[in-house]
């Protein structure tokens, strides 16, 4: 469950396409606090953290997820919300 309170703004630094999936590398002030396999809301979409390095975390969205929200191109800010445990 997410609080709905925006914790930080992140910037998409890189996008990689693998088939119908897209992996996003997001730089944010909370990236270093995240853990691999943690759920984080990115513009309202729950995505699982796959890797963390140098203040950037990566997440992958599958095709069905990509059909729902509007993902902005690299360089755009996205809202990040923590998962409440």
C-alpha atoms as a PDB file:
ATOM      1  CA  UNK A   1       0.000   0.000   0.000  1.00  0.00           C
ATOM      2  CA  UNK A   2       1.237   3.471  -0.846  1.00  0.00           C
ATOM      3  CA  UNK A   3       0.648   6.664   1.122  1.00  0.00           C
ATOM      4  CA  UNK A   4      -0.013   8.761  -1.968  1.00  0.00           C
ATOM      5  CA  UNK A   5       2.370  11.356  -0.551  1.00  0.00           C
ATOM      6  CA  UNK A   6       5.099  12.228  -3.034  1.00  0.00           C
ATOM      7  CA  UNK A   7       8.417  11.541  -1.324  1.00  0.00           C
ATOM      8  CA  UNK A   8      10.725  12.763  -4.076  1.00  0.00           C
ATOM      9  CA  UNK A   9      11.000  13.688  -7.708  1.00  0.00           C
ATOM     10  CA  UNK A  10      13.116  11.493  -9.931  1.00  0.00           C
ATOM     11  CA  UNK A  11      14.510  12.043 -13.415  1.00  0.00           C
ATOM     12  CA  UNK A  12      14.514   9.287 -16.034  1.00  0.00           C
ATOM     13  CA  UNK A  13      18.133   9.176 -17.181  1.00  0.00           C
ATOM     14  CA  UNK A  14      17.981   6.218 -19.558  1.00  0.00           C
ATOM     15  CA  UNK A  15      15.446   3.888 -21.154  1.00  0.00           C
ATOM     16  CA  UNK A  16      16.271   0.480 -22.640  1.00  0.00           C
ATOM     17  CA  UNK A  17      13.842  -1.527 -24.753  1.00  0.00           C
ATOM     18  CA  UNK A  18      13.844  -5.331 -24.553  1.00  0.00           C
ATOM     19  CA  UNK A  19      11.065  -6.774 -26.665  1.00  0.00           C
ATOM     20  CA  UNK A  20       7.855  -5.150 -25.428  1.00  0.00           C
ATOM     21  CA  UNK A  21       9.350  -4.246 -22.023  1.00  0.00           C
ATOM     22  CA  UNK A  22      11.151  -1.043 -21.046  1.00  0.00           C
ATOM     23  CA  UNK A  23      13.734  -0.611 -18.311  1.00  0.00           C
ATOM     24  CA  UNK A  24      14.003   2.868 -16.808  1.00  0.00           C
ATOM     25  CA  UNK A  25      17.013   4.213 -14.896  1.00  0.00           C
ATOM     26  CA  UNK A  26      15.797   6.866 -12.465  1.00  0.00           C
ATOM     27  CA  UNK A  27      18.015   9.319 -10.584  1.00  0.00           C
ATOM     28  CA  UNK A  28      16.487  10.606  -7.359  1.00  0.00           C
ATOM     29  CA  UNK A  29      17.414  11.739  -3.858  1.00  0.00           C
ATOM     30  CA  UNK A  30      15.889   8.537  -2.429  1.00  0.00           C
ATOM     31  CA  UNK A  31      17.484   6.027  -4.839  1.00  0.00           C
ATOM     32  CA  UNK A  32      20.348   5.271  -2.434  1.00  0.00           C
ATOM     33  CA  UNK A  33      17.814   4.398   0.310  1.00  0.00           C
ATOM     34  CA  UNK A  34      15.910   1.872  -1.803  1.00  0.00           C
ATOM     35  CA  UNK A  35      16.464  -1.871  -1.758  1.00  0.00           C
ATOM     36  CA  UNK A  36      16.362  -4.374  -4.610  1.00  0.00           C
ATOM     37  CA  UNK A  37      12.871  -5.974  -4.851  1.00  0.00           C
ATOM     38  CA  UNK A  38      11.261  -2.989  -3.080  1.00  0.00           C
ATOM     39  CA  UNK A  39       8.050  -1.627  -4.606  1.00  0.00           C
ATOM     40  CA  UNK A  40       8.060   2.077  -5.444  1.00  0.00           C
ATOM     41  CA  UNK A  41       5.300   4.047  -7.117  1.00  0.00           C
ATOM     42  CA  UNK A  42       6.545   5.891 -10.219  1.00  0.00           C
ATOM     43  CA  UNK A  43       3.907   8.418 -11.330  1.00  0.00           C
ATOM     44  CA  UNK A  44       1.299   6.193  -9.680  1.00  0.00           C
ATOM     45  CA  UNK A  45       2.575   2.932 -11.199  1.00  0.00           C
ATOM     46  CA  UNK A  46       3.984   0.347  -8.789  1.00  0.00           C
ATOM     47  CA  UNK A  47       7.322  -0.939 -10.099  1.00  0.00           C
ATOM     48  CA  UNK A  48       9.922  -3.182  -8.477  1.00  0.00           C
ATOM     49  CA  UNK A  49      13.451  -1.896  -7.958  1.00  0.00           C
ATOM     50  CA  UNK A  50      15.872  -4.137  -9.873  1.00  0.00           C
ATOM     51  CA  UNK A  51      19.214  -2.450  -9.245  1.00  0.00           C
ATOM     52  CA  UNK A  52      20.731   0.527  -7.427  1.00  0.00           C
ATOM     53  CA  UNK A  53      24.025   2.282  -8.138  1.00  0.00           C
ATOM     54  CA  UNK A  54      25.396   5.812  -7.732  1.00  0.00           C
ATOM     55  CA  UNK A  55      22.073   7.431  -6.845  1.00  0.00           C
ATOM     56  CA  UNK A  56      20.194   5.757  -9.697  1.00  0.00           C
ATOM     57  CA  UNK A  57      17.758   2.847  -9.505  1.00  0.00           C
ATOM     58  CA  UNK A  58      16.315   0.756 -12.323  1.00  0.00           C
ATOM     59  CA  UNK A  59      12.812  -0.611 -12.818  1.00  0.00           C
ATOM     60  CA  UNK A  60      11.194  -2.491 -15.695  1.00  0.00           C
ATOM     61  CA  UNK A  61       7.669  -1.986 -16.988  1.00  0.00           C
ATOM     62  CA  UNK A  62       6.032  -4.681 -19.102  1.00  0.00           C
ATOM     63  CA  UNK A  63       3.964  -3.907 -22.193  1.00  0.00           C
ATOM     64  CA  UNK A  64       0.599  -4.060 -20.384  1.00  0.00           C
ATOM     65  CA  UNK A  65       1.816  -1.535 -17.808  1.00  0.00           C
ATOM     66  CA  UNK A  66       3.148   0.739 -20.537  1.00  0.00           C
ATOM     67  CA  UNK A  67      -0.292   0.823 -22.168  1.00  0.00           C
ATOM     68  CA  UNK A  68      -1.884   2.342 -19.034  1.00  0.00           C
ATOM     69  CA  UNK A  69       0.044   5.470 -17.998  1.00  0.00           C
ATOM     70  CA  UNK A  70       1.820   8.028 -20.120  1.00  0.00           C
ATOM     71  CA  UNK A  71       5.553   7.630 -19.658  1.00  0.00           C
ATOM     72  CA  UNK A  72       7.480  10.773 -20.416  1.00  0.00           C
ATOM     73  CA  UNK A  73      10.758  10.698 -22.366  1.00  0.00           C
ATOM     74  CA  UNK A  74      14.178  10.846 -20.705  1.00  0.00           C
ATOM     75  CA  UNK A  75      14.877  13.956 -18.662  1.00  0.00           C
ATOM     76  CA  UNK A  76      11.317  14.403 -17.383  1.00  0.00           C
ATOM     77  CA  UNK A  77      10.573  14.397 -13.662  1.00  0.00           C
ATOM     78  CA  UNK A  78       8.452  11.628 -12.201  1.00  0.00           C
ATOM     79  CA  UNK A  79       6.825  11.417  -8.766  1.00  0.00           C
ATOM     80  CA  UNK A  80       8.107   8.707  -6.407  1.00  0.00           C
ATOM     81  CA  UNK A  81       6.147   7.309  -3.475  1.00  0.00           C
ATOM     82  CA  UNK A  82       7.330   4.733  -0.908  1.00  0.00           C
ATOM     83  CA  UNK A  83       5.520   1.506  -0.194  1.00  0.00           C
ATOM     84  CA  UNK A  84       4.161   1.454   3.376  1.00  0.00           C
ATOM     85  CA  UNK A  85       4.947  -1.811   5.161  1.00  0.00           C
END
